[in-house]
ModelCIF file with pLDDT and N, C-alpha, C, O atoms, coordinates in Angstrom:
data_MODEL
#
_entry.id   MODEL 
#
_entity.id                         1 
_entity.type                       polymer 
_entity.pdbx_number_of_molecules   1 
#
_entity_poly.entity_id                      1 
_entity_poly.type                           'polypeptide(L)' 
_entity_poly.nstd_linkage                   no 
_entity_poly.nstd_monomer                   no 
_entity_poly.pdbx_seq_one_letter_code       QVLADEFNCRGRYSDAGPGDCAELEFLVPEGTELVRAYKTPSLRGVAE 
_entity_poly.pdbx_seq_one_letter_code_can   QVLADEFNCRGRYSDAGPGDCAELEFLVPEGTELVRAYKTPSLRGVAE 
_entity_poly.pdbx_strand_id                 A 
#
loop_
_entity_poly_seq.entity_id 
_entity_poly_seq.num 
_entity_poly_seq.mon_id 
_entity_poly_seq.hetero 
1 1  GLN n 
1 2  VAL n 
1 3  LEU n 
1 4  ALA n 
1 5  ASP n 
1 6  GLU n 
1 7  PHE n 
1 8  ASN n 
1 9  CYS n 
1 10 ARG n 
1 11 GLY n 
1 12 ARG n 
1 13 TYR n 
1 14 SER n 
1 15 ASP n 
1 16 ALA n 
1 17 GLY n 
1 18 PRO n 
1 19 GLY n 
1 20 ASP n 
1 21 CYS n 
1 22 ALA n 
1 23 GLU n 
1 24 LEU n 
1 25 GLU n 
1 26 PHE n 
1 27 LEU n 
1 28 VAL n 
1 29 PRO n 
1 30 GLU n 
1 31 GLY n 
1 32 THR n 
1 33 GLU n 
1 34 LEU n 
1 35 VAL n 
1 36 ARG n 
1 37 ALA n 
1 38 TYR n 
1 39 LYS n 
1 40 THR n 
1 41 PRO n 
1 42 SER n 
1 43 LEU n 
1 44 ARG n 
1 45 GLY n 
1 46 VAL n 
1 47 ALA n 
1 48 GLU n 
#
_struct_asym.id          A 
_struct_asym.entity_id   1 
#
loop_
_ma_qa_metric.id 
_ma_qa_metric.mode 
_ma_qa_metric.name 
_ma_qa_metric.software_group_id 
_ma_qa_metric.type 
1 global pLDDT . pLDDT 
2 local  pLDDT . pLDDT 
#
_ma_qa_metric_global.metric_id      1 
_ma_qa_metric_global.metric_value   96.98 
_ma_qa_metric_global.model_id       1 
_ma_qa_metric_global.ordinal_id     1 
#
loop_
_ma_qa_metric_local.label_asym_id 
_ma_qa_metric_local.label_comp_id 
_ma_qa_metric_local.label_seq_id 
_ma_qa_metric_local.metric_id 
_ma_qa_metric_local.metric_value 
_ma_qa_metric_local.model_id 
_ma_qa_metric_local.ordinal_id 
A GLN 1  2 98.00 1 1  
A VAL 2  2 98.00 1 2  
A LEU 3  2 98.00 1 3  
A ALA 4  2 98.00 1 4  
A ASP 5  2 98.00 1 5  
A GLU 6  2 97.00 1 6  
A PHE 7  2 98.00 1 7  
A ASN 8  2 98.00 1 8  
A CYS 9  2 98.00 1 9  
A ARG 10 2 98.00 1 10 
A GLY 11 2 98.00 1 11 
A ARG 12 2 97.00 1 12 
A TYR 13 2 98.00 1 13 
A SER 14 2 98.00 1 14 
A ASP 15 2 98.00 1 15 
A ALA 16 2 98.00 1 16 
A GLY 17 2 97.00 1 17 
A PRO 18 2 92.00 1 18 
A GLY 19 2 95.00 1 19 
A ASP 20 2 98.00 1 20 
A CYS 21 2 98.00 1 21 
A ALA 22 2 96.00 1 22 
A GLU 23 2 96.00 1 23 
A LEU 24 2 96.00 1 24 
A GLU 25 2 95.00 1 25 
A PHE 26 2 95.00 1 26 
A LEU 27 2 97.00 1 27 
A VAL 28 2 94.00 1 28 
A PRO 29 2 94.00 1 29 
A GLU 30 2 93.00 1 30 
A GLY 31 2 95.00 1 31 
A THR 32 2 95.00 1 32 
A GLU 33 2 96.00 1 33 
A LEU 34 2 98.00 1 34 
A VAL 35 2 98.00 1 35 
A ARG 36 2 98.00 1 36 
A ALA 37 2 98.00 1 37 
A TYR 38 2 98.00 1 38 
A LYS 39 2 98.00 1 39 
A THR 40 2 98.00 1 40 
A PRO 41 2 97.00 1 41 
A SER 42 2 98.00 1 42 
A LEU 43 2 98.00 1 43 
A ARG 44 2 98.00 1 44 
A GLY 45 2 98.00 1 45 
A VAL 46 2 98.00 1 46 
A ALA 47 2 98.00 1 47 
A GLU 48 2 96.00 1 48 
#
loop_
_atom_site.group_PDB 
_atom_site.id 
_atom_site.type_symbol 
_atom_site.label_atom_id 
_atom_site.label_alt_id 
_atom_site.label_comp_id 
_atom_site.label_asym_id 
_atom_site.label_entity_id 
_atom_site.label_seq_id 
_atom_site.pdbx_PDB_ins_code 
_atom_site.Cartn_x 
_atom_site.Cartn_y 
_atom_site.Cartn_z 
_atom_site.occupancy 
_atom_site.B_iso_or_equiv 
_atom_site.pdbx_formal_charge 
_atom_site.auth_seq_id 
_atom_site.auth_comp_id 
_atom_site.auth_asym_id 
_atom_site.auth_atom_id 
_atom_site.pdbx_PDB_model_num 
ATOM 1   N N  . GLN A 1 1  ? 26.951 0.138   -8.212  1.00 98.00 ? 1  GLN A N  1 
ATOM 2   C CA . GLN A 1 1  ? 27.796 -0.994  -8.574  1.00 98.00 ? 1  GLN A CA 1 
ATOM 3   C C  . GLN A 1 1  ? 27.508 -2.223  -7.726  1.00 98.00 ? 1  GLN A C  1 
ATOM 4   O O  . GLN A 1 1  ? 27.480 -3.337  -8.249  1.00 98.00 ? 1  GLN A O  1 
ATOM 5   N N  . VAL A 1 2  ? 27.293 -2.043  -6.431  1.00 98.00 ? 2  VAL A N  1 
ATOM 6   C CA . VAL A 1 2  ? 27.064 -3.214  -5.582  1.00 98.00 ? 2  VAL A CA 1 
ATOM 7   C C  . VAL A 1 2  ? 25.729 -3.877  -5.912  1.00 98.00 ? 2  VAL A C  1 
ATOM 8   O O  . VAL A 1 2  ? 25.606 -5.098  -5.807  1.00 98.00 ? 2  VAL A O  1 
ATOM 9   N N  . LEU A 1 3  ? 24.739 -3.099  -6.306  1.00 98.00 ? 3  LEU A N  1 
ATOM 10  C CA . LEU A 1 3  ? 23.462 -3.686  -6.686  1.00 98.00 ? 3  LEU A CA 1 
ATOM 11  C C  . LEU A 1 3  ? 23.568 -4.507  -7.968  1.00 98.00 ? 3  LEU A C  1 
ATOM 12  O O  . LEU A 1 3  ? 22.842 -5.484  -8.147  1.00 98.00 ? 3  LEU A O  1 
ATOM 13  N N  . ALA A 1 4  ? 24.473 -4.108  -8.855  1.00 98.00 ? 4  ALA A N  1 
ATOM 14  C CA . ALA A 1 4  ? 24.637 -4.808  -10.132 1.00 98.00 ? 4  ALA A CA 1 
ATOM 15  C C  . ALA A 1 4  ? 25.699 -5.904  -10.078 1.00 98.00 ? 4  ALA A C  1 
ATOM 16  O O  . ALA A 1 4  ? 25.888 -6.620  -11.062 1.00 98.00 ? 4  ALA A O  1 
ATOM 17  N N  . ASP A 1 5  ? 26.388 -6.047  -8.961  1.00 98.00 ? 5  ASP A N  1 
ATOM 18  C CA . ASP A 1 5  ? 27.520 -6.971  -8.859  1.00 98.00 ? 5  ASP A CA 1 
ATOM 19  C C  . ASP A 1 5  ? 27.066 -8.431  -8.916  1.00 98.00 ? 5  ASP A C  1 
ATOM 20  O O  . ASP A 1 5  ? 26.182 -8.833  -8.160  1.00 98.00 ? 5  ASP A O  1 
ATOM 21  N N  . GLU A 1 6  ? 27.661 -9.222  -9.803  1.00 97.00 ? 6  GLU A N  1 
ATOM 22  C CA . GLU A 1 6  ? 27.290 -10.637 -9.893  1.00 97.00 ? 6  GLU A CA 1 
ATOM 23  C C  . GLU A 1 6  ? 27.685 -11.413 -8.641  1.00 97.00 ? 6  GLU A C  1 
ATOM 24  O O  . GLU A 1 6  ? 27.185 -12.515 -8.420  1.00 97.00 ? 6  GLU A O  1 
ATOM 25  N N  . PHE A 1 7  ? 28.570 -10.859 -7.821  1.00 98.00 ? 7  PHE A N  1 
ATOM 26  C CA . PHE A 1 7  ? 29.020 -11.539 -6.608  1.00 98.00 ? 7  PHE A CA 1 
ATOM 27  C C  . PHE A 1 7  ? 28.389 -10.962 -5.341  1.00 98.00 ? 7  PHE A C  1 
ATOM 28  O O  . PHE A 1 7  ? 28.884 -11.208 -4.241  1.00 98.00 ? 7  PHE A O  1 
ATOM 29  N N  . ASN A 1 8  ? 27.316 -10.207 -5.479  1.00 98.00 ? 8  ASN A N  1 
ATOM 30  C CA . ASN A 1 8  ? 26.708 -9.650  -4.269  1.00 98.00 ? 8  ASN A CA 1 
ATOM 31  C C  . ASN A 1 8  ? 25.915 -10.723 -3.512  1.00 98.00 ? 8  ASN A C  1 
ATOM 32  O O  . ASN A 1 8  ? 25.811 -11.865 -3.957  1.00 98.00 ? 8  ASN A O  1 
ATOM 33  N N  . CYS A 1 9  ? 25.371 -10.338 -2.381  1.00 98.00 ? 9  CYS A N  1 
ATOM 34  C CA . CYS A 1 9  ? 24.698 -11.292 -1.487  1.00 98.00 ? 9  CYS A CA 1 
ATOM 35  C C  . CYS A 1 9  ? 23.544 -12.024 -2.159  1.00 98.00 ? 9  CYS A C  1 
ATOM 36  O O  . CYS A 1 9  ? 23.231 -13.156 -1.792  1.00 98.00 ? 9  CYS A O  1 
ATOM 37  N N  . ARG A 1 10 ? 22.905 -11.384 -3.143  1.00 98.00 ? 10 ARG A N  1 
ATOM 38  C CA . ARG A 1 10 ? 21.773 -12.001 -3.827  1.00 98.00 ? 10 ARG A CA 1 
ATOM 39  C C  . ARG A 1 10 ? 22.171 -12.745 -5.091  1.00 98.00 ? 10 ARG A C  1 
ATOM 40  O O  . ARG A 1 10 ? 21.313 -13.332 -5.751  1.00 98.00 ? 10 ARG A O  1 
ATOM 41  N N  . GLY A 1 11 ? 23.445 -12.735 -5.443  1.00 98.00 ? 11 GLY A N  1 
ATOM 42  C CA . GLY A 1 11 ? 23.897 -13.329 -6.692  1.00 98.00 ? 11 GLY A CA 1 
ATOM 43  C C  . GLY A 1 11 ? 23.953 -14.850 -6.642  1.00 98.00 ? 11 GLY A C  1 
ATOM 44  O O  . GLY A 1 11 ? 23.826 -15.447 -5.573  1.00 98.00 ? 11 GLY A O  1 
ATOM 45  N N  . ARG A 1 12 ? 24.138 -15.460 -7.775  1.00 97.00 ? 12 ARG A N  1 
ATOM 46  C CA . ARG A 1 12 ? 24.104 -16.924 -7.878  1.00 97.00 ? 12 ARG A CA 1 
ATOM 47  C C  . ARG A 1 12 ? 25.303 -17.591 -7.200  1.00 97.00 ? 12 ARG A C  1 
ATOM 48  O O  . ARG A 1 12 ? 25.257 -18.787 -6.912  1.00 97.00 ? 12 ARG A O  1 
ATOM 49  N N  . TYR A 1 13 ? 26.368 -16.841 -6.944  1.00 98.00 ? 13 TYR A N  1 
ATOM 50  C CA . TYR A 1 13 ? 27.545 -17.438 -6.305  1.00 98.00 ? 13 TYR A CA 1 
ATOM 51  C C  . TYR A 1 13 ? 27.560 -17.213 -4.797  1.00 98.00 ? 13 TYR A C  1 
ATOM 52  O O  . TYR A 1 13 ? 28.489 -17.634 -4.108  1.00 98.00 ? 13 TYR A O  1 
ATOM 53  N N  . SER A 1 14 ? 26.535 -16.553 -4.296  1.00 98.00 ? 14 SER A N  1 
ATOM 54  C CA . SER A 1 14 ? 26.369 -16.352 -2.859  1.00 98.00 ? 14 SER A CA 1 
ATOM 55  C C  . SER A 1 14 ? 25.714 -17.576 -2.234  1.00 98.00 ? 14 SER A C  1 
ATOM 56  O O  . SER A 1 14 ? 24.917 -18.259 -2.879  1.00 98.00 ? 14 SER A O  1 
ATOM 57  N N  . ASP A 1 15 ? 26.049 -17.848 -0.989  1.00 98.00 ? 15 ASP A N  1 
ATOM 58  C CA . ASP A 1 15 ? 25.445 -18.953 -0.246  1.00 98.00 ? 15 ASP A CA 1 
ATOM 59  C C  . ASP A 1 15 ? 24.270 -18.486 0.622   1.00 98.00 ? 15 ASP A C  1 
ATOM 60  O O  . ASP A 1 15 ? 23.715 -19.275 1.387   1.00 98.00 ? 15 ASP A O  1 
ATOM 61  N N  . ALA A 1 16 ? 23.895 -17.228 0.508   1.00 98.00 ? 16 ALA A N  1 
ATOM 62  C CA . ALA A 1 16 ? 22.829 -16.673 1.342   1.00 98.00 ? 16 ALA A CA 1 
ATOM 63  C C  . ALA A 1 16 ? 21.461 -17.220 0.955   1.00 98.00 ? 16 ALA A C  1 
ATOM 64  O O  . ALA A 1 16 ? 21.217 -17.588 -0.194  1.00 98.00 ? 16 ALA A O  1 
ATOM 65  N N  . GLY A 1 17 ? 20.603 -17.261 1.918   1.00 97.00 ? 17 GLY A N  1 
ATOM 66  C CA . GLY A 1 17 ? 19.229 -17.683 1.671   1.00 97.00 ? 17 GLY A CA 1 
ATOM 67  C C  . GLY A 1 17 ? 18.278 -16.496 1.672   1.00 97.00 ? 17 GLY A C  1 
ATOM 68  O O  . GLY A 1 17 ? 18.710 -15.362 1.879   1.00 97.00 ? 17 GLY A O  1 
ATOM 69  N N  . PRO A 1 18 ? 16.991 -16.735 1.446   1.00 92.00 ? 18 PRO A N  1 
ATOM 70  C CA . PRO A 1 18 ? 16.006 -15.656 1.478   1.00 92.00 ? 18 PRO A CA 1 
ATOM 71  C C  . PRO A 1 18 ? 16.034 -14.934 2.827   1.00 92.00 ? 18 PRO A C  1 
ATOM 72  O O  . PRO A 1 18 ? 16.047 -15.572 3.880   1.00 92.00 ? 18 PRO A O  1 
ATOM 73  N N  . GLY A 1 19 ? 16.043 -13.619 2.786   1.00 95.00 ? 19 GLY A N  1 
ATOM 74  C CA . GLY A 1 19 ? 16.048 -12.834 4.017   1.00 95.00 ? 19 GLY A CA 1 
ATOM 75  C C  . GLY A 1 19 ? 17.417 -12.579 4.597   1.00 95.00 ? 19 GLY A C  1 
ATOM 76  O O  . GLY A 1 19 ? 17.531 -11.914 5.626   1.00 95.00 ? 19 GLY A O  1 
ATOM 77  N N  . ASP A 1 20 ? 18.485 -13.100 3.953   1.00 98.00 ? 20 ASP A N  1 
ATOM 78  C CA . ASP A 1 20 ? 19.837 -12.937 4.489   1.00 98.00 ? 20 ASP A CA 1 
ATOM 79  C C  . ASP A 1 20 ? 20.537 -11.672 4.003   1.00 98.00 ? 20 ASP A C  1 
ATOM 80  O O  . ASP A 1 20 ? 21.640 -11.368 4.458   1.00 98.00 ? 20 ASP A O  1 
ATOM 81  N N  . CYS A 1 21 ? 19.922 -10.935 3.095   1.00 98.00 ? 21 CYS A N  1 
ATOM 82  C CA . CYS A 1 21 ? 20.630 -9.825  2.446   1.00 98.00 ? 21 CYS A CA 1 
ATOM 83  C C  . CYS A 1 21 ? 19.946 -8.492  2.731   1.00 98.00 ? 21 CYS A C  1 
ATOM 84  O O  . CYS A 1 21 ? 19.668 -7.720  1.813   1.00 98.00 ? 21 CYS A O  1 
ATOM 85  N N  . ALA A 1 22 ? 19.678 -8.227  4.005   1.00 96.00 ? 22 ALA A N  1 
ATOM 86  C CA . ALA A 1 22 ? 18.904 -7.043  4.373   1.00 96.00 ? 22 ALA A CA 1 
ATOM 87  C C  . ALA A 1 22 ? 19.600 -5.751  3.960   1.00 96.00 ? 22 ALA A C  1 
ATOM 88  O O  . ALA A 1 22 ? 18.947 -4.828  3.475   1.00 96.00 ? 22 ALA A O  1 
ATOM 89  N N  . GLU A 1 23 ? 20.919 -5.674  4.146   1.00 96.00 ? 23 GLU A N  1 
ATOM 90  C CA . GLU A 1 23 ? 21.636 -4.441  3.789   1.00 96.00 ? 23 GLU A CA 1 
ATOM 91  C C  . GLU A 1 23 ? 21.414 -4.107  2.319   1.00 96.00 ? 23 GLU A C  1 
ATOM 92  O O  . GLU A 1 23 ? 21.182 -2.951  1.962   1.00 96.00 ? 23 GLU A O  1 
ATOM 93  N N  . LEU A 1 24 ? 21.488 -5.121  1.477   1.00 96.00 ? 24 LEU A N  1 
ATOM 94  C CA . LEU A 1 24 ? 21.321 -4.911  0.041   1.00 96.00 ? 24 LEU A CA 1 
ATOM 95  C C  . LEU A 1 24 ? 19.860 -4.599  -0.292  1.00 96.00 ? 24 LEU A C  1 
ATOM 96  O O  . LEU A 1 24 ? 19.581 -3.762  -1.151  1.00 96.00 ? 24 LEU A O  1 
ATOM 97  N N  . GLU A 1 25 ? 18.935 -5.271  0.387   1.00 95.00 ? 25 GLU A N  1 
ATOM 98  C CA . GLU A 1 25 ? 17.521 -5.092  0.103   1.00 95.00 ? 25 GLU A CA 1 
ATOM 99  C C  . GLU A 1 25 ? 17.077 -3.656  0.370   1.00 95.00 ? 25 GLU A C  1 
ATOM 100 O O  . GLU A 1 25 ? 16.237 -3.113  -0.347  1.00 95.00 ? 25 GLU A O  1 
ATOM 101 N N  . PHE A 1 26 ? 17.646 -3.054  1.400   1.00 95.00 ? 26 PHE A N  1 
ATOM 102 C CA . PHE A 1 26 ? 17.189 -1.731  1.805   1.00 95.00 ? 26 PHE A CA 1 
ATOM 103 C C  . PHE A 1 26 ? 18.107 -0.610  1.330   1.00 95.00 ? 26 PHE A C  1 
ATOM 104 O O  . PHE A 1 26 ? 17.941 0.544   1.725   1.00 95.00 ? 26 PHE A O  1 
ATOM 105 N N  . LEU A 1 27 ? 19.067 -0.950  0.490   1.00 97.00 ? 27 LEU A N  1 
ATOM 106 C CA . LEU A 1 27 ? 19.975 0.067   -0.039  1.00 97.00 ? 27 LEU A CA 1 
ATOM 107 C C  . LEU A 1 27 ? 19.240 0.996   -1.003  1.00 97.00 ? 27 LEU A C  1 
ATOM 108 O O  . LEU A 1 27 ? 18.571 0.535   -1.929  1.00 97.00 ? 27 LEU A O  1 
ATOM 109 N N  . VAL A 1 28 ? 19.364 2.290   -0.785  1.00 94.00 ? 28 VAL A N  1 
ATOM 110 C CA . VAL A 1 28 ? 18.813 3.302   -1.696  1.00 94.00 ? 28 VAL A CA 1 
ATOM 111 C C  . VAL A 1 28 ? 19.980 3.863   -2.502  1.00 94.00 ? 28 VAL A C  1 
ATOM 112 O O  . VAL A 1 28 ? 20.836 4.549   -1.944  1.00 94.00 ? 28 VAL A O  1 
ATOM 113 N N  . PRO A 1 29 ? 20.030 3.583   -3.804  1.00 94.00 ? 29 PRO A N  1 
ATOM 114 C CA . PRO A 1 29 ? 21.220 3.920   -4.588  1.00 94.00 ? 29 PRO A CA 1 
ATOM 115 C C  . PRO A 1 29 ? 21.256 5.351   -5.120  1.00 94.00 ? 29 PRO A C  1 
ATOM 116 O O  . PRO A 1 29 ? 22.195 5.724   -5.822  1.00 94.00 ? 29 PRO A O  1 
ATOM 117 N N  . GLU A 1 30 ? 20.252 6.147   -4.797  1.00 93.00 ? 30 GLU A N  1 
ATOM 118 C CA . GLU A 1 30 ? 20.192 7.509   -5.318  1.00 93.00 ? 30 GLU A CA 1 
ATOM 119 C C  . GLU A 1 30 ? 20.143 8.506   -4.164  1.00 93.00 ? 30 GLU A C  1 
ATOM 120 O O  . GLU A 1 30 ? 19.709 8.177   -3.060  1.00 93.00 ? 30 GLU A O  1 
ATOM 121 N N  . GLY A 1 31 ? 20.594 9.727   -4.438  1.00 95.00 ? 31 GLY A N  1 
ATOM 122 C CA . GLY A 1 31 ? 20.510 10.787  -3.432  1.00 95.00 ? 31 GLY A CA 1 
ATOM 123 C C  . GLY A 1 31 ? 21.728 11.684  -3.483  1.00 95.00 ? 31 GLY A C  1 
ATOM 124 O O  . GLY A 1 31 ? 22.851 11.206  -3.646  1.00 95.00 ? 31 GLY A O  1 
ATOM 125 N N  . THR A 1 32 ? 21.516 12.969  -3.345  1.00 95.00 ? 32 THR A N  1 
ATOM 126 C CA . THR A 1 32 ? 22.648 13.908  -3.410  1.00 95.00 ? 32 THR A CA 1 
ATOM 127 C C  . THR A 1 32 ? 23.630 13.685  -2.272  1.00 95.00 ? 32 THR A C  1 
ATOM 128 O O  . THR A 1 32 ? 24.805 14.030  -2.394  1.00 95.00 ? 32 THR A O  1 
ATOM 129 N N  . GLU A 1 33 ? 23.156 13.104  -1.151  1.00 96.00 ? 33 GLU A N  1 
ATOM 130 C CA . GLU A 1 33 ? 24.062 12.876  -0.024  1.00 96.00 ? 33 GLU A CA 1 
ATOM 131 C C  . GLU A 1 33 ? 25.111 11.803  -0.321  1.00 96.00 ? 33 GLU A C  1 
ATOM 132 O O  . GLU A 1 33 ? 26.083 11.669  0.422   1.00 96.00 ? 33 GLU A O  1 
ATOM 133 N N  . LEU A 1 34 ? 24.925 11.044  -1.392  1.00 98.00 ? 34 LEU A N  1 
ATOM 134 C CA . LEU A 1 34 ? 25.893 10.001  -1.750  1.00 98.00 ? 34 LEU A CA 1 
ATOM 135 C C  . LEU A 1 34 ? 27.059 10.545  -2.576  1.00 98.00 ? 34 LEU A C  1 
ATOM 136 O O  . LEU A 1 34 ? 28.085 9.878   -2.711  1.00 98.00 ? 34 LEU A O  1 
ATOM 137 N N  . VAL A 1 35 ? 26.912 11.738  -3.123  1.00 98.00 ? 35 VAL A N  1 
ATOM 138 C CA . VAL A 1 35 ? 27.946 12.301  -3.989  1.00 98.00 ? 35 VAL A CA 1 
ATOM 139 C C  . VAL A 1 35 ? 29.196 12.621  -3.170  1.00 98.00 ? 35 VAL A C  1 
ATOM 140 O O  . VAL A 1 35 ? 29.139 13.380  -2.203  1.00 98.00 ? 35 VAL A O  1 
ATOM 141 N N  . ARG A 1 36 ? 30.310 12.040  -3.566  1.00 98.00 ? 36 ARG A N  1 
ATOM 142 C CA . ARG A 1 36 ? 31.596 12.177  -2.872  1.00 98.00 ? 36 ARG A CA 1 
ATOM 143 C C  . ARG A 1 36 ? 31.494 11.805  -1.386  1.00 98.00 ? 36 ARG A C  1 
ATOM 144 O O  . ARG A 1 36 ? 32.189 12.369  -0.541  1.00 98.00 ? 36 ARG A O  1 
ATOM 145 N N  . ALA A 1 37 ? 30.619 10.855  -1.093  1.00 98.00 ? 37 ALA A N  1 
ATOM 146 C CA . ALA A 1 37 ? 30.573 10.279  0.253   1.00 98.00 ? 37 ALA A CA 1 
ATOM 147 C C  . ALA A 1 37 ? 31.450 9.030   0.259   1.00 98.00 ? 37 ALA A C  1 
ATOM 148 O O  . ALA A 1 37 ? 31.363 8.193   -0.640  1.00 98.00 ? 37 ALA A O  1 
ATOM 149 N N  . TYR A 1 38 ? 32.285 8.917   1.270   1.00 98.00 ? 38 TYR A N  1 
ATOM 150 C CA . TYR A 1 38 ? 33.221 7.793   1.368   1.00 98.00 ? 38 TYR A CA 1 
ATOM 151 C C  . TYR A 1 38 ? 33.063 7.113   2.718   1.00 98.00 ? 38 TYR A C  1 
ATOM 152 O O  . TYR A 1 38 ? 32.604 7.714   3.689   1.00 98.00 ? 38 TYR A O  1 
ATOM 153 N N  . LYS A 1 39 ? 33.449 5.864   2.755   1.00 98.00 ? 39 LYS A N  1 
ATOM 154 C CA . LYS A 1 39 ? 33.280 5.050   3.962   1.00 98.00 ? 39 LYS A CA 1 
ATOM 155 C C  . LYS A 1 39 ? 34.108 5.613   5.116   1.00 98.00 ? 39 LYS A C  1 
ATOM 156 O O  . LYS A 1 39 ? 35.259 6.012   4.938   1.00 98.00 ? 39 LYS A O  1 
ATOM 157 N N  . THR A 1 40 ? 33.503 5.638   6.290   1.00 98.00 ? 40 THR A N  1 
ATOM 158 C CA . THR A 1 40 ? 34.217 6.049   7.495   1.00 98.00 ? 40 THR A CA 1 
ATOM 159 C C  . THR A 1 40 ? 35.249 4.978   7.854   1.00 98.00 ? 40 THR A C  1 
ATOM 160 O O  . THR A 1 40 ? 34.865 3.853   8.174   1.00 98.00 ? 40 THR A O  1 
ATOM 161 N N  . PRO A 1 41 ? 36.539 5.292   7.811   1.00 97.00 ? 41 PRO A N  1 
ATOM 162 C CA . PRO A 1 41 ? 37.527 4.272   8.183   1.00 97.00 ? 41 PRO A CA 1 
ATOM 163 C C  . PRO A 1 41 ? 37.601 4.095   9.694   1.00 97.00 ? 41 PRO A C  1 
ATOM 164 O O  . PRO A 1 41 ? 37.334 5.030   10.449  1.00 97.00 ? 41 PRO A O  1 
ATOM 165 N N  . SER A 1 42 ? 37.958 2.913   10.124  1.00 98.00 ? 42 SER A N  1 
ATOM 166 C CA . SER A 1 42 ? 38.241 2.706   11.544  1.00 98.00 ? 42 SER A CA 1 
ATOM 167 C C  . SER A 1 42 ? 39.429 3.561   11.948  1.00 98.00 ? 42 SER A C  1 
ATOM 168 O O  . SER A 1 42 ? 40.372 3.734   11.175  1.00 98.00 ? 42 SER A O  1 
ATOM 169 N N  . LEU A 1 43 ? 39.381 4.094   13.162  1.00 98.00 ? 43 LEU A N  1 
ATOM 170 C CA . LEU A 1 43 ? 40.516 4.876   13.671  1.00 98.00 ? 43 LEU A CA 1 
ATOM 171 C C  . LEU A 1 43 ? 41.511 4.026   14.446  1.00 98.00 ? 43 LEU A C  1 
ATOM 172 O O  . LEU A 1 43 ? 42.519 4.540   14.931  1.00 98.00 ? 43 LEU A O  1 
ATOM 173 N N  . ARG A 1 44 ? 41.243 2.751   14.564  1.00 98.00 ? 44 ARG A N  1 
ATOM 174 C CA . ARG A 1 44 ? 42.200 1.906   15.300  1.00 98.00 ? 44 ARG A CA 1 
ATOM 175 C C  . ARG A 1 44 ? 43.503 1.815   14.507  1.00 98.00 ? 44 ARG A C  1 
ATOM 176 O O  . ARG A 1 44 ? 43.514 1.440   13.334  1.00 98.00 ? 44 ARG A O  1 
ATOM 177 N N  . GLY A 1 45 ? 44.609 2.172   15.186  1.00 98.00 ? 45 GLY A N  1 
ATOM 178 C CA . GLY A 1 45 ? 45.912 2.190   14.535  1.00 98.00 ? 45 GLY A CA 1 
ATOM 179 C C  . GLY A 1 45 ? 46.108 3.353   13.581  1.00 98.00 ? 45 GLY A C  1 
ATOM 180 O O  . GLY A 1 45 ? 47.031 3.333   12.767  1.00 98.00 ? 45 GLY A O  1 
ATOM 181 N N  . VAL A 1 46 ? 45.255 4.368   13.667  1.00 98.00 ? 46 VAL A N  1 
ATOM 182 C CA . VAL A 1 46 ? 45.251 5.424   12.653  1.00 98.00 ? 46 VAL A CA 1 
ATOM 183 C C  . VAL A 1 46 ? 46.569 6.187   12.567  1.00 98.00 ? 46 VAL A C  1 
ATOM 184 O O  . VAL A 1 46 ? 46.962 6.601   11.476  1.00 98.00 ? 46 VAL A O  1 
ATOM 185 N N  . ALA A 1 47 ? 47.259 6.381   13.683  1.00 98.00 ? 47 ALA A N  1 
ATOM 186 C CA . ALA A 1 47 ? 48.484 7.184   13.653  1.00 98.00 ? 47 ALA A CA 1 
ATOM 187 C C  . ALA A 1 47 ? 49.601 6.514   12.871  1.00 98.00 ? 47 ALA A C  1 
ATOM 188 O O  . ALA A 1 47 ? 50.557 7.172   12.460  1.00 98.00 ? 47 ALA A O  1 
ATOM 189 N N  . GLU A 1 48 ? 49.486 5.211   12.666  1.00 96.00 ? 48 GLU A N  1 
ATOM 190 C CA . GLU A 1 48 ? 50.553 4.464   11.995  1.00 96.00 ? 48 GLU A CA 1 
ATOM 191 C C  . GLU A 1 48 ? 50.305 4.283   10.501  1.00 96.00 ? 48 GLU A C  1 
ATOM 192 O O  . GLU A 1 48 ? 51.121 3.673   9.810   1.00 96.00 ? 48 GLU A O  1 
#
């Protein structure tokens, strides 16, 4: 989804220039390790 997003770093509504979107450039969108993988949340304030 992020690779196809019209508002991503490489999209026409982004202010980024060439070379500014390294995370997106090197994203590999396939792999069994991505299945049911979720972002690690910050633990700051976690008890609340």
